[in-house]
Amino acid sequence: MARPKRIQPPTKDRRINLRVSNVLYDTLSKDAQASGLSLSDYIRSVLSNRKVIVKPEIVYNDPRILKALGDIGKIGSNLNQIAHQLNAGEAFSNSMSEQLRSLTKQLLQMRNEIKEMAGDYRGDC
C-alpha cells in the first residue's frame, strides 16, 4: 500500500507592497519578534484577524530576585509535603498549623521584597 501524499500548504503567488512609517515598522518588527514569527508571517496573521500572541521574554538577572524565586520554590515544596500528608489522611496537627502560618508569613514577606526590587514594573508575571 502506498504512503498517503503529503498535503502541501497553498503557495503564495501574490505580492503586496506597502509603505509604512519608521515608527510603525519598528513596532511591527518588535511585535513579530516577540511573537516568534517572521515579519511577513506576523503581518499575515494580523491581516487575517487571527489572534497573535506576543510572548515577552522576561530575564531575571538580579541575584536578589533569583534568590527570592528559589526560596519560593522551597516553600512550595514544603506546602506540597503538607498537602500530601493531609491527603493521605493524616490529622491536621498543631505542628502543621504552625508550619502553614510560618510559610504564609514568609511568602508575604518575600512578595513584598520582590515588589520593592521590581520597582514600577507592571506585567503579567
PDB file of N, CA and C in Angstrom:
ATOM      1  N   MET A   1       0.843  -1.182   0.000  1.00  0.00           N
ATOM      2  CA  MET A   1       0.000   0.000   0.000  1.00  0.00           C
ATOM      3  C   MET A   1       0.892   1.251   0.000  1.00  0.00           C
ATOM      4  N   ALA A   2       0.571   2.190  -0.830  1.00  0.00           N
ATOM      5  CA  ALA A   2       1.384   3.398  -0.975  1.00  0.00           C
ATOM      6  C   ALA A   2       1.150   4.350   0.196  1.00  0.00           C
ATOM      7  N   ARG A   3       2.165   5.081   0.483  1.00  0.00           N
ATOM      8  CA  ARG A   3       2.077   6.079   1.542  1.00  0.00           C
ATOM      9  C   ARG A   3       1.201   7.226   1.068  1.00  0.00           C
ATOM     10  N   PRO A   4       0.327   7.775   1.960  1.00  0.00           N
ATOM     11  CA  PRO A   4      -0.534   8.881   1.519  1.00  0.00           C
ATOM     12  C   PRO A   4       0.311  10.111   1.182  1.00  0.00           C
ATOM     13  N   LYS A   5      -0.174  10.861   0.190  1.00  0.00           N
ATOM     14  CA  LYS A   5       0.543  12.054  -0.224  1.00  0.00           C
ATOM     15  C   LYS A   5       0.463  13.121   0.858  1.00  0.00           C
ATOM     16  N   ARG A   6       1.550  13.825   0.997  1.00  0.00           N
ATOM     17  CA  ARG A   6       1.630  14.897   1.978  1.00  0.00           C
ATOM     18  C   ARG A   6       0.843  16.100   1.468  1.00  0.00           C
ATOM     19  N   ILE A   7       0.065  16.695   2.358  1.00  0.00           N
ATOM     20  CA  ILE A   7      -0.727  17.867   1.981  1.00  0.00           C
ATOM     21  C   ILE A   7       0.177  19.095   2.026  1.00  0.00           C
ATOM     22  N   GLN A   8       0.259  19.782   0.914  1.00  0.00           N
ATOM     23  CA  GLN A   8       1.100  20.968   0.812  1.00  0.00           C
ATOM     24  C   GLN A   8       0.268  22.219   1.084  1.00  0.00           C
ATOM     25  N   PRO A   9       0.834  23.163   1.841  1.00  0.00           N
ATOM     26  CA  PRO A   9       0.102  24.417   2.041  1.00  0.00           C
ATOM     27  C   PRO A   9       0.017  25.164   0.713  1.00  0.00           C
ATOM     28  N   PRO A  10      -0.994  26.018   0.575  1.00  0.00           N
ATOM     29  CA  PRO A  10      -1.120  26.760  -0.689  1.00  0.00           C
ATOM     30  C   PRO A  10       0.102  27.652  -0.905  1.00  0.00           C
ATOM     31  N   THR A  11       0.503  27.759  -2.165  1.00  0.00           N
ATOM     32  CA  THR A  11       1.658  28.611  -2.474  1.00  0.00           C
ATOM     33  C   THR A  11       1.248  30.071  -2.393  1.00  0.00           C
ATOM     34  N   LYS A  12       2.217  30.885  -2.137  1.00  0.00           N
ATOM     35  CA  LYS A  12       1.975  32.328  -2.036  1.00  0.00           C
ATOM     36  C   LYS A  12       2.369  32.951  -3.371  1.00  0.00           C
ATOM     37  N   ASP A  13       1.385  33.135  -4.243  1.00  0.00           N
ATOM     38  CA  ASP A  13       1.635  33.626  -5.598  1.00  0.00           C
ATOM     39  C   ASP A  13       1.558  35.138  -5.714  1.00  0.00           C
ATOM     40  N   ARG A  14       0.863  35.790  -4.807  1.00  0.00           N
ATOM     41  CA  ARG A  14       0.634  37.235  -4.913  1.00  0.00           C
ATOM     42  C   ARG A  14       1.546  37.992  -3.960  1.00  0.00           C
ATOM     43  N   ARG A  15       1.878  39.185  -4.352  1.00  0.00           N
ATOM     44  CA  ARG A  15       2.757  40.025  -3.538  1.00  0.00           C
ATOM     45  C   ARG A  15       2.028  41.334  -3.247  1.00  0.00           C
ATOM     46  N   ILE A  16       2.139  41.804  -2.021  1.00  0.00           N
ATOM     47  CA  ILE A  16       1.559  43.091  -1.630  1.00  0.00           C
ATOM     48  C   ILE A  16       2.702  43.970  -1.140  1.00  0.00           C
ATOM     49  N   ASN A  17       2.851  45.106  -1.740  1.00  0.00           N
ATOM     50  CA  ASN A  17       3.862  46.068  -1.316  1.00  0.00           C
ATOM     51  C   ASN A  17       3.146  47.236  -0.654  1.00  0.00           C
ATOM     52  N   LEU A  18       3.620  47.634   0.509  1.00  0.00           N
ATOM     53  CA  LEU A  18       3.032  48.792   1.163  1.00  0.00           C
ATOM     54  C   LEU A  18       4.116  49.559   1.896  1.00  0.00           C
ATOM     55  N   ARG A  19       3.867  50.834   2.047  1.00  0.00           N
ATOM     56  CA  ARG A  19       4.814  51.696   2.741  1.00  0.00           C
ATOM     57  C   ARG A  19       4.265  51.995   4.131  1.00  0.00           C
ATOM     58  N   VAL A  20       5.177  52.008   5.089  1.00  0.00           N
ATOM     59  CA  VAL A  20       4.815  52.337   6.469  1.00  0.00           C
ATOM     60  C   VAL A  20       5.860  53.297   7.022  1.00  0.00           C
ATOM     61  N   SER A  21       5.481  53.982   8.078  1.00  0.00           N
ATOM     62  CA  SER A  21       6.432  54.900   8.718  1.00  0.00           C
ATOM     63  C   SER A  21       7.488  54.089   9.476  1.00  0.00           C
ATOM     64  N   ASN A  22       8.574  54.753   9.814  1.00  0.00           N
ATOM     65  CA  ASN A  22       9.625  54.091  10.590  1.00  0.00           C
ATOM     66  C   ASN A  22       9.101  53.611  11.941  1.00  0.00           C
ATOM     67  N   VAL A  23       8.245  54.422  12.552  1.00  0.00           N
ATOM     68  CA  VAL A  23       7.698  54.060  13.857  1.00  0.00           C
ATOM     69  C   VAL A  23       6.837  52.802  13.747  1.00  0.00           C
ATOM     70  N   LEU A  24       5.959  52.755  12.735  1.00  0.00           N
ATOM     71  CA  LEU A  24       5.103  51.583  12.555  1.00  0.00           C
ATOM     72  C   LEU A  24       5.941  50.355  12.208  1.00  0.00           C
ATOM     73  N   TYR A  25       6.947  50.532  11.368  1.00  0.00           N
ATOM     74  CA  TYR A  25       7.817  49.408  11.005  1.00  0.00           C
ATOM     75  C   TYR A  25       8.513  48.848  12.246  1.00  0.00           C
ATOM     76  N   ASP A  26       9.049  49.741  13.090  1.00  0.00           N
ATOM     77  CA  ASP A  26       9.721  49.297  14.314  1.00  0.00           C
ATOM     78  C   ASP A  26       8.756  48.558  15.230  1.00  0.00           C
ATOM     79  N   THR A  27       7.537  49.089  15.351  1.00  0.00           N
ATOM     80  CA  THR A  27       6.520  48.432  16.189  1.00  0.00           C
ATOM     81  C   THR A  27       6.178  47.056  15.656  1.00  0.00           C
ATOM     82  N   LEU A  28       5.933  46.955  14.359  1.00  0.00           N
ATOM     83  CA  LEU A  28       5.606  45.656  13.758  1.00  0.00           C
ATOM     84  C   LEU A  28       6.759  44.674  13.907  1.00  0.00           C
ATOM     85  N   SER A  29       7.973  45.149  13.702  1.00  0.00           N
ATOM     86  CA  SER A  29       9.144  44.278  13.820  1.00  0.00           C
ATOM     87  C   SER A  29       9.308  43.753  15.240  1.00  0.00           C
ATOM     88  N   LYS A  30       9.146  44.635  16.218  1.00  0.00           N
ATOM     89  CA  LYS A  30       9.283  44.220  17.623  1.00  0.00           C
ATOM     90  C   LYS A  30       8.181  43.222  17.999  1.00  0.00           C
ATOM     91  N   ASP A  31       6.948  43.504  17.583  1.00  0.00           N
ATOM     92  CA  ASP A  31       5.837  42.595  17.893  1.00  0.00           C
ATOM     93  C   ASP A  31       6.023  41.246  17.214  1.00  0.00           C
ATOM     94  N   ALA A  32       6.513  41.255  15.981  1.00  0.00           N
ATOM     95  CA  ALA A  32       6.753  39.998  15.260  1.00  0.00           C
ATOM     96  C   ALA A  32       7.826  39.184  15.970  1.00  0.00           C
ATOM     97  N   GLN A  33       8.894  39.853  16.367  1.00  0.00           N
ATOM     98  CA  GLN A  33       9.973  39.161  17.062  1.00  0.00           C
ATOM     99  C   GLN A  33       9.489  38.615  18.401  1.00  0.00           C
ATOM    100  N   ALA A  34       8.693  39.407  19.131  1.00  0.00           N
ATOM    101  CA  ALA A  34       8.181  38.967  20.431  1.00  0.00           C
ATOM    102  C   ALA A  34       7.243  37.774  20.290  1.00  0.00           C
ATOM    103  N   SER A  35       6.531  37.685  19.172  1.00  0.00           N
ATOM    104  CA  SER A  35       5.606  36.572  18.968  1.00  0.00           C
ATOM    105  C   SER A  35       6.299  35.357  18.368  1.00  0.00           C
ATOM    106  N   GLY A  36       7.568  35.514  17.988  1.00  0.00           N
ATOM    107  CA  GLY A  36       8.308  34.392  17.425  1.00  0.00           C
ATOM    108  C   GLY A  36       8.006  34.138  15.959  1.00  0.00           C
ATOM    109  N   LEU A  37       7.428  35.125  15.280  1.00  0.00           N
ATOM    110  CA  LEU A  37       7.089  34.980  13.863  1.00  0.00           C
ATOM    111  C   LEU A  37       7.984  35.880  13.022  1.00  0.00           C
ATOM    112  N   SER A  38       8.116  35.527  11.747  1.00  0.00           N
ATOM    113  CA  SER A  38       8.794  36.442  10.830  1.00  0.00           C
ATOM    114  C   SER A  38       7.873  37.646  10.635  1.00  0.00           C
ATOM    115  N   LEU A  39       8.432  38.726  10.146  1.00  0.00           N
ATOM    116  CA  LEU A  39       7.626  39.925   9.913  1.00  0.00           C
ATOM    117  C   LEU A  39       6.487  39.632   8.944  1.00  0.00           C
ATOM    118  N   SER A  40       6.775  38.877   7.874  1.00  0.00           N
ATOM    119  CA  SER A  40       5.735  38.531   6.898  1.00  0.00           C
ATOM    120  C   SER A  40       4.632  37.695   7.535  1.00  0.00           C
ATOM    121  N   ASP A  41       5.018  36.664   8.294  1.00  0.00           N
ATOM    122  CA  ASP A  41       4.010  35.812   8.937  1.00  0.00           C
ATOM    123  C   ASP A  41       3.195  36.590   9.962  1.00  0.00           C
ATOM    124  N   TYR A  42       3.856  37.493  10.675  1.00  0.00           N
ATOM    125  CA  TYR A  42       3.150  38.301  11.662  1.00  0.00           C
ATOM    126  C   TYR A  42       2.100  39.189  10.981  1.00  0.00           C
ATOM    127  N   ILE A  43       2.486  39.864   9.897  1.00  0.00           N
ATOM    128  CA  ILE A  43       1.549  40.747   9.193  1.00  0.00           C
ATOM    129  C   ILE A  43       0.416  39.928   8.583  1.00  0.00           C
ATOM    130  N   ARG A  44       0.728  38.743   8.023  1.00  0.00           N
ATOM    131  CA  ARG A  44      -0.341  37.874   7.501  1.00  0.00           C
ATOM    132  C   ARG A  44      -1.328  37.512   8.608  1.00  0.00           C
ATOM    133  N   SER A  45      -0.795  37.200   9.775  1.00  0.00           N
ATOM    134  CA  SER A  45      -1.653  36.830  10.900  1.00  0.00           C
ATOM    135  C   SER A  45      -2.548  37.989  11.325  1.00  0.00           C
ATOM    136  N   VAL A  46      -1.975  39.187  11.392  1.00  0.00           N
ATOM    137  CA  VAL A  46      -2.753  40.370  11.767  1.00  0.00           C
ATOM    138  C   VAL A  46      -3.828  40.652  10.714  1.00  0.00           C
ATOM    139  N   LEU A  47      -3.457  40.564   9.448  1.00  0.00           N
ATOM    140  CA  LEU A  47      -4.410  40.852   8.378  1.00  0.00           C
ATOM    141  C   LEU A  47      -5.536  39.828   8.293  1.00  0.00           C
ATOM    142  N   SER A  48      -5.266  38.610   8.677  1.00  0.00           N
ATOM    143  CA  SER A  48      -6.304  37.570   8.592  1.00  0.00           C
ATOM    144  C   SER A  48      -7.113  37.465   9.885  1.00  0.00           C
ATOM    145  N   ASN A  49      -6.932  38.435  10.792  1.00  0.00           N
ATOM    146  CA  ASN A  49      -7.686  38.506  12.050  1.00  0.00           C
ATOM    147  C   ASN A  49      -7.451  37.329  12.976  1.00  0.00           C
ATOM    148  N   ARG A  50      -6.356  36.649  12.796  1.00  0.00           N
ATOM    149  CA  ARG A  50      -6.017  35.603  13.749  1.00  0.00           C
ATOM    150  C   ARG A  50      -5.450  36.261  14.984  1.00  0.00           C
ATOM    151  N   LYS A  51      -5.670  35.622  16.110  1.00  0.00           N
ATOM    152  CA  LYS A  51      -5.145  36.170  17.346  1.00  0.00           C
ATOM    153  C   LYS A  51      -3.634  35.948  17.379  1.00  0.00           C
ATOM    154  N   VAL A  52      -2.909  37.025  17.580  1.00  0.00           N
ATOM    155  CA  VAL A  52      -1.460  36.961  17.666  1.00  0.00           C
ATOM    156  C   VAL A  52      -1.084  37.049  19.133  1.00  0.00           C
ATOM    157  N   ILE A  53      -0.292  36.102  19.583  1.00  0.00           N
ATOM    158  CA  ILE A  53       0.122  36.075  20.971  1.00  0.00           C
ATOM    159  C   ILE A  53       1.554  36.575  21.052  1.00  0.00           C
ATOM    160  N   VAL A  54       1.740  37.666  21.767  1.00  0.00           N
ATOM    161  CA  VAL A  54       3.076  38.206  21.970  1.00  0.00           C
ATOM    162  C   VAL A  54       3.648  37.543  23.214  1.00  0.00           C
ATOM    163  N   LYS A  55       4.809  36.932  23.053  1.00  0.00           N
ATOM    164  CA  LYS A  55       5.447  36.214  24.155  1.00  0.00           C
ATOM    165  C   LYS A  55       6.620  37.041  24.662  1.00  0.00           C
ATOM    166  N   PRO A  56       6.401  37.804  25.719  1.00  0.00           N
ATOM    167  CA  PRO A  56       7.511  38.620  26.206  1.00  0.00           C
ATOM    168  C   PRO A  56       8.590  37.748  26.840  1.00  0.00           C
ATOM    169  N   GLU A  57       9.827  38.098  26.585  1.00  0.00           N
ATOM    170  CA  GLU A  57      10.930  37.383  27.203  1.00  0.00           C
ATOM    171  C   GLU A  57      11.287  38.127  28.482  1.00  0.00           C
ATOM    172  N   ILE A  58      11.174  37.429  29.589  1.00  0.00           N
ATOM    173  CA  ILE A  58      11.458  38.041  30.877  1.00  0.00           C
ATOM    174  C   ILE A  58      12.756  37.443  31.392  1.00  0.00           C
ATOM    175  N   VAL A  59      13.722  38.300  31.654  1.00  0.00           N
ATOM    176  CA  VAL A  59      15.016  37.843  32.138  1.00  0.00           C
ATOM    177  C   VAL A  59      15.211  38.383  33.544  1.00  0.00           C
ATOM    178  N   TYR A  60      15.466  37.470  34.453  1.00  0.00           N
ATOM    179  CA  TYR A  60      15.740  37.859  35.838  1.00  0.00           C
ATOM    180  C   TYR A  60      17.243  37.759  36.049  1.00  0.00           C
ATOM    181  N   ASN A  61      17.911  38.882  36.101  1.00  0.00           N
ATOM    182  CA  ASN A  61      19.342  38.844  36.295  1.00  0.00           C
ATOM    183  C   ASN A  61      19.765  39.464  37.619  1.00  0.00           C
ATOM    184  N   ASP A  62      18.818  39.857  38.425  1.00  0.00           N
ATOM    185  CA  ASP A  62      19.122  40.408  39.740  1.00  0.00           C
ATOM    186  C   ASP A  62      19.258  39.238  40.711  1.00  0.00           C
ATOM    187  N   PRO A  63      20.406  39.062  41.350  1.00  0.00           N
ATOM    188  CA  PRO A  63      20.596  37.912  42.239  1.00  0.00           C
ATOM    189  C   PRO A  63      19.597  37.876  43.397  1.00  0.00           C
ATOM    190  N   ARG A  64      19.126  39.036  43.823  1.00  0.00           N
ATOM    191  CA  ARG A  64      18.139  39.055  44.908  1.00  0.00           C
ATOM    192  C   ARG A  64      16.825  38.448  44.451  1.00  0.00           C
ATOM    193  N   ILE A  65      16.419  38.765  43.215  1.00  0.00           N
ATOM    194  CA  ILE A  65      15.178  38.199  42.688  1.00  0.00           C
ATOM    195  C   ILE A  65      15.348  36.705  42.463  1.00  0.00           C
ATOM    196  N   LEU A  66      16.510  36.291  41.937  1.00  0.00           N
ATOM    197  CA  LEU A  66      16.746  34.857  41.722  1.00  0.00           C
ATOM    198  C   LEU A  66      16.712  34.087  43.037  1.00  0.00           C
ATOM    199  N   LYS A  67      17.294  34.663  44.092  1.00  0.00           N
ATOM    200  CA  LYS A  67      17.270  34.007  45.399  1.00  0.00           C
ATOM    201  C   LYS A  67      15.837  33.915  45.919  1.00  0.00           C
ATOM    202  N   ALA A  68      15.092  35.003  45.785  1.00  0.00           N
ATOM    203  CA  ALA A  68      13.706  35.006  46.250  1.00  0.00           C
ATOM    204  C   ALA A  68      12.881  33.969  45.505  1.00  0.00           C
ATOM    205  N   LEU A  69      13.086  33.835  44.186  1.00  0.00           N
ATOM    206  CA  LEU A  69      12.341  32.830  43.412  1.00  0.00           C
ATOM    207  C   LEU A  69      12.724  31.417  43.856  1.00  0.00           C
ATOM    208  N   GLY A  70      13.990  31.197  44.162  1.00  0.00           N
ATOM    209  CA  GLY A  70      14.420  29.890  44.674  1.00  0.00           C
ATOM    210  C   GLY A  70      13.778  29.583  46.013  1.00  0.00           C
ATOM    211  N   ASP A  71      13.727  30.601  46.890  1.00  0.00           N
ATOM    212  CA  ASP A  71      13.095  30.409  48.203  1.00  0.00           C
ATOM    213  C   ASP A  71      11.608  30.107  48.056  1.00  0.00           C
ATOM    214  N   ILE A  72      10.954  30.764  47.116  1.00  0.00           N
ATOM    215  CA  ILE A  72       9.531  30.487  46.883  1.00  0.00           C
ATOM    216  C   ILE A  72       9.345  29.038  46.447  1.00  0.00           C
ATOM    217  N   GLY A  73      10.252  28.531  45.627  1.00  0.00           N
ATOM    218  CA  GLY A  73      10.185  27.133  45.203  1.00  0.00           C
ATOM    219  C   GLY A  73      10.312  26.182  46.385  1.00  0.00           C
ATOM    220  N   LYS A  74      11.213  26.500  47.322  1.00  0.00           N
ATOM    221  CA  LYS A  74      11.393  25.656  48.519  1.00  0.00           C
ATOM    222  C   LYS A  74      10.136  25.674  49.393  1.00  0.00           C
ATOM    223  N   ILE A  75       9.549  26.857  49.533  1.00  0.00           N
ATOM    224  CA  ILE A  75       8.327  26.962  50.331  1.00  0.00           C
ATOM    225  C   ILE A  75       7.200  26.182  49.657  1.00  0.00           C
ATOM    226  N   GLY A  76       7.123  26.273  48.342  1.00  0.00           N
ATOM    227  CA  GLY A  76       6.113  25.498  47.616  1.00  0.00           C
ATOM    228  C   GLY A  76       6.285  24.007  47.842  1.00  0.00           C
ATOM    229  N   SER A  77       7.528  23.553  47.895  1.00  0.00           N
ATOM    230  CA  SER A  77       7.794  22.137  48.169  1.00  0.00           C
ATOM    231  C   SER A  77       7.294  21.752  49.553  1.00  0.00           C
ATOM    232  N   ASN A  78       7.541  22.610  50.545  1.00  0.00           N
ATOM    233  CA  ASN A  78       7.042  22.338  51.900  1.00  0.00           C
ATOM    234  C   ASN A  78       5.514  22.276  51.932  1.00  0.00           C
ATOM    235  N   LEU A  79       4.869  23.189  51.216  1.00  0.00           N
ATOM    236  CA  LEU A  79       3.408  23.189  51.171  1.00  0.00           C
ATOM    237  C   LEU A  79       2.885  21.904  50.514  1.00  0.00           C
ATOM    238  N   ASN A  80       3.579  21.440  49.473  1.00  0.00           N
ATOM    239  CA  ASN A  80       3.172  20.190  48.824  1.00  0.00           C
ATOM    240  C   ASN A  80       3.303  19.006  49.763  1.00  0.00           C
ATOM    241  N   GLN A  81       4.350  18.988  50.583  1.00  0.00           N
ATOM    242  CA  GLN A  81       4.514  17.899  51.556  1.00  0.00           C
ATOM    243  C   GLN A  81       3.377  17.899  52.576  1.00  0.00           C
ATOM    244  N   ILE A  82       3.000  19.088  53.024  1.00  0.00           N
ATOM    245  CA  ILE A  82       1.885  19.183  53.983  1.00  0.00           C
ATOM    246  C   ILE A  82       0.598  18.722  53.326  1.00  0.00           C
ATOM    247  N   ALA A  83       0.344  19.162  52.093  1.00  0.00           N
ATOM    248  CA  ALA A  83      -0.867  18.747  51.382  1.00  0.00           C
ATOM    249  C   ALA A  83      -0.873  17.237  51.179  1.00  0.00           C
ATOM    250  N   HIS A  84       0.278  16.652  50.862  1.00  0.00           N
ATOM    251  CA  HIS A  84       0.363  15.202  50.667  1.00  0.00           C
ATOM    252  C   HIS A  84      -0.005  14.470  51.953  1.00  0.00           C
ATOM    253  N   GLN A  85       0.496  14.949  53.084  1.00  0.00           N
ATOM    254  CA  GLN A  85       0.183  14.321  54.373  1.00  0.00           C
ATOM    255  C   GLN A  85      -1.316  14.416  54.670  1.00  0.00           C
ATOM    256  N   LEU A  86      -1.888  15.569  54.397  1.00  0.00           N
ATOM    257  CA  LEU A  86      -3.321  15.735  54.658  1.00  0.00           C
ATOM    258  C   LEU A  86      -4.150  14.857  53.727  1.00  0.00           C
ATOM    259  N   ASN A  87      -3.751  14.751  52.464  1.00  0.00           N
ATOM    260  CA  ASN A  87      -4.475  13.913  51.510  1.00  0.00           C
ATOM    261  C   ASN A  87      -4.325  12.438  51.827  1.00  0.00           C
ATOM    262  N   ALA A  88      -3.250  12.085  52.528  1.00  0.00           N
ATOM    263  CA  ALA A  88      -3.032  10.691  52.919  1.00  0.00           C
ATOM    264  C   ALA A  88      -3.842  10.341  54.159  1.00  0.00           C
ATOM    265  N   GLY A  89      -4.549  11.307  54.700  1.00  0.00           N
ATOM    266  CA  GLY A  89      -5.423  11.040  55.835  1.00  0.00           C
ATOM    267  C   GLY A  89      -4.828  11.377  57.182  1.00  0.00           C
ATOM    268  N   GLU A  90      -3.659  11.987  57.202  1.00  0.00           N
ATOM    269  CA  GLU A  90      -3.040  12.353  58.470  1.00  0.00           C
ATOM    270  C   GLU A  90      -3.815  13.522  59.087  1.00  0.00           C
ATOM    271  N   ALA A  91      -3.968  13.474  60.378  1.00  0.00           N
ATOM    272  CA  ALA A  91      -4.723  14.522  61.075  1.00  0.00           C
ATOM    273  C   ALA A  91      -3.966  15.844  61.016  1.00  0.00           C
ATOM    274  N   PHE A  92      -4.710  16.913  60.968  1.00  0.00           N
ATOM    275  CA  PHE A  92      -4.130  18.262  60.936  1.00  0.00           C
ATOM    276  C   PHE A  92      -3.663  18.600  62.338  1.00  0.00           C
ATOM    277  N   SER A  93      -2.350  18.639  62.526  1.00  0.00           N
ATOM    278  CA  SER A  93      -1.790  18.836  63.866  1.00  0.00           C
ATOM    279  C   SER A  93      -1.434  20.296  64.108  1.00  0.00           C
ATOM    280  N   ASN A  94      -1.126  20.596  65.367  1.00  0.00           N
ATOM    281  CA  ASN A  94      -0.675  21.947  65.713  1.00  0.00           C
ATOM    282  C   ASN A  94       0.635  22.271  65.009  1.00  0.00           C
ATOM    283  N   SER A  95       1.475  21.256  64.835  1.00  0.00           N
ATOM    284  CA  SER A  95       2.743  21.455  64.157  1.00  0.00           C
ATOM    285  C   SER A  95       2.513  21.899  62.713  1.00  0.00           C
ATOM    286  N   MET A  96       1.569  21.246  62.028  1.00  0.00           N
ATOM    287  CA  MET A  96       1.258  21.624  60.647  1.00  0.00           C
ATOM    288  C   MET A  96       0.684  23.024  60.593  1.00  0.00           C
ATOM    289  N   SER A  97      -0.148  23.344  61.555  1.00  0.00           N
ATOM    290  CA  SER A  97      -0.750  24.672  61.608  1.00  0.00           C
ATOM    291  C   SER A  97       0.337  25.738  61.758  1.00  0.00           C
ATOM    292  N   GLU A  98       1.305  25.490  62.630  1.00  0.00           N
ATOM    293  CA  GLU A  98       2.408  26.429  62.822  1.00  0.00           C
ATOM    294  C   GLU A  98       3.251  26.545  61.554  1.00  0.00           C
ATOM    295  N   GLN A  99       3.492  25.405  60.887  1.00  0.00           N
ATOM    296  CA  GLN A  99       4.259  25.433  59.639  1.00  0.00           C
ATOM    297  C   GLN A  99       3.539  26.269  58.586  1.00  0.00           C
ATOM    298  N   LEU A 100       2.227  26.086  58.480  1.00  0.00           N
ATOM    299  CA  LEU A 100       1.463  26.851  57.490  1.00  0.00           C
ATOM    300  C   LEU A 100       1.520  28.348  57.784  1.00  0.00           C
ATOM    301  N   ARG A 101       1.369  28.714  59.045  1.00  0.00           N
ATOM    302  CA  ARG A 101       1.460  30.131  59.411  1.00  0.00           C
ATOM    303  C   ARG A 101       2.836  30.697  59.069  1.00  0.00           C
ATOM    304  N   SER A 102       3.875  29.940  59.389  1.00  0.00           N
ATOM    305  CA  SER A 102       5.230  30.379  59.122  1.00  0.00           C
ATOM    306  C   SER A 102       5.471  30.529  57.615  1.00  0.00           C
ATOM    307  N   LEU A 103       5.030  29.549  56.843  1.00  0.00           N
ATOM    308  CA  LEU A 103       5.228  29.604  55.390  1.00  0.00           C
ATOM    309  C   LEU A 103       4.448  30.759  54.772  1.00  0.00           C
ATOM    310  N   THR A 104       3.233  30.978  55.248  1.00  0.00           N
ATOM    311  CA  THR A 104       2.426  32.073  54.732  1.00  0.00           C
ATOM    312  C   THR A 104       3.096  33.415  55.031  1.00  0.00           C
ATOM    313  N   LYS A 105       3.625  33.547  56.244  1.00  0.00           N
ATOM    314  CA  LYS A 105       4.311  34.773  56.626  1.00  0.00           C
ATOM    315  C   LYS A 105       5.543  34.995  55.745  1.00  0.00           C
ATOM    316  N   GLN A 106       6.305  33.919  55.492  1.00  0.00           N
ATOM    317  CA  GLN A 106       7.494  34.020  54.644  1.00  0.00           C
ATOM    318  C   GLN A 106       7.111  34.425  53.219  1.00  0.00           C
ATOM    319  N   LEU A 107       6.042  33.823  52.695  1.00  0.00           N
ATOM    320  CA  LEU A 107       5.604  34.152  51.335  1.00  0.00           C
ATOM    321  C   LEU A 107       5.203  35.614  51.210  1.00  0.00           C
ATOM    322  N   LEU A 108       4.453  36.117  52.175  1.00  0.00           N
ATOM    323  CA  LEU A 108       4.026  37.517  52.138  1.00  0.00           C
ATOM    324  C   LEU A 108       5.226  38.455  52.232  1.00  0.00           C
ATOM    325  N   GLN A 109       6.183  38.100  53.080  1.00  0.00           N
ATOM    326  CA  GLN A 109       7.384  38.914  53.229  1.00  0.00           C
ATOM    327  C   GLN A 109       8.186  38.920  51.924  1.00  0.00           C
ATOM    328  N   MET A 110       8.321  37.750  51.293  1.00  0.00           N
ATOM    329  CA  MET A 110       9.063  37.657  50.043  1.00  0.00           C
ATOM    330  C   MET A 110       8.350  38.409  48.930  1.00  0.00           C
ATOM    331  N   ARG A 111       7.019  38.331  48.911  1.00  0.00           N
ATOM    332  CA  ARG A 111       6.265  39.061  47.899  1.00  0.00           C
ATOM    333  C   ARG A 111       6.551  40.554  47.997  1.00  0.00           C
ATOM    334  N   ASN A 112       6.557  41.069  49.223  1.00  0.00           N
ATOM    335  CA  ASN A 112       6.820  42.497  49.418  1.00  0.00           C
ATOM    336  C   ASN A 112       8.247  42.859  49.008  1.00  0.00           C
ATOM    337  N   GLU A 113       9.209  41.975  49.296  1.00  0.00           N
ATOM    338  CA  GLU A 113      10.595  42.234  48.909  1.00  0.00           C
ATOM    339  C   GLU A 113      10.734  42.255  47.385  1.00  0.00           C
ATOM    340  N   ILE A 114      10.068  41.318  46.717  1.00  0.00           N
ATOM    341  CA  ILE A 114      10.143  41.268  45.256  1.00  0.00           C
ATOM    342  C   ILE A 114       9.497  42.511  44.657  1.00  0.00           C
ATOM    343  N   LYS A 115       8.391  42.956  45.236  1.00  0.00           N
ATOM    344  CA  LYS A 115       7.746  44.183  44.750  1.00  0.00           C
ATOM    345  C   LYS A 115       8.702  45.367  44.857  1.00  0.00           C
ATOM    346  N   GLU A 116       9.425  45.448  45.974  1.00  0.00           N
ATOM    347  CA  GLU A 116      10.384  46.545  46.149  1.00  0.00           C
ATOM    348  C   GLU A 116      11.507  46.460  45.122  1.00  0.00           C
ATOM    349  N   MET A 117      12.004  45.243  44.864  1.00  0.00           N
ATOM    350  CA  MET A 117      13.103  45.065  43.910  1.00  0.00           C
ATOM    351  C   MET A 117      12.657  45.381  42.490  1.00  0.00           C
ATOM    352  N   ALA A 118      11.422  45.003  42.158  1.00  0.00           N
ATOM    353  CA  ALA A 118      10.932  45.194  40.795  1.00  0.00           C
ATOM    354  C   ALA A 118      10.583  46.650  40.510  1.00  0.00           C
ATOM    355  N   GLY A 119      10.324  47.425  41.527  1.00  0.00           N
ATOM    356  CA  GLY A 119      10.023  48.837  41.338  1.00  0.00           C
ATOM    357  C   GLY A 119       8.690  49.038  40.653  1.00  0.00           C
ATOM    358  N   ASP A 120       8.709  49.860  39.595  1.00  0.00           N
ATOM    359  CA  ASP A 120       7.476  50.220  38.901  1.00  0.00           C
ATOM    360  C   ASP A 120       7.096  49.255  37.794  1.00  0.00           C
ATOM    361  N   TYR A 121       7.762  48.103  37.695  1.00  0.00           N
ATOM    362  CA  TYR A 121       7.451  47.155  36.621  1.00  0.00           C
ATOM    363  C   TYR A 121       6.001  46.708  36.722  1.00  0.00           C
ATOM    364  N   ARG A 122       5.325  46.729  35.594  1.00  0.00           N
ATOM    365  CA  ARG A 122       3.953  46.224  35.524  1.00  0.00           C
ATOM    366  C   ARG A 122       3.911  45.206  34.406  1.00  0.00           C
ATOM    367  N   GLY A 123       3.509  44.007  34.715  1.00  0.00           N
ATOM    368  CA  GLY A 123       3.470  42.966  33.687  1.00  0.00           C
ATOM    369  C   GLY A 123       2.556  41.841  34.085  1.00  0.00           C
ATOM    370  N   ASP A 124       2.632  40.743  33.320  1.00  0.00           N
ATOM    371  CA  ASP A 124       1.753  39.614  33.560  1.00  0.00           C
ATOM    372  C   ASP A 124       2.363  38.540  34.447  1.00  0.00           C
ATOM    373  N   CYS A 125       3.589  38.729  34.874  1.00  0.00           N
ATOM    374  CA  CYS A 125       4.226  37.665  35.662  1.00  0.00           C
ATOM    375  C   CYS A 125       4.240  38.001  37.128  1.00  0.00           C
TER     376      CYS A 125
END
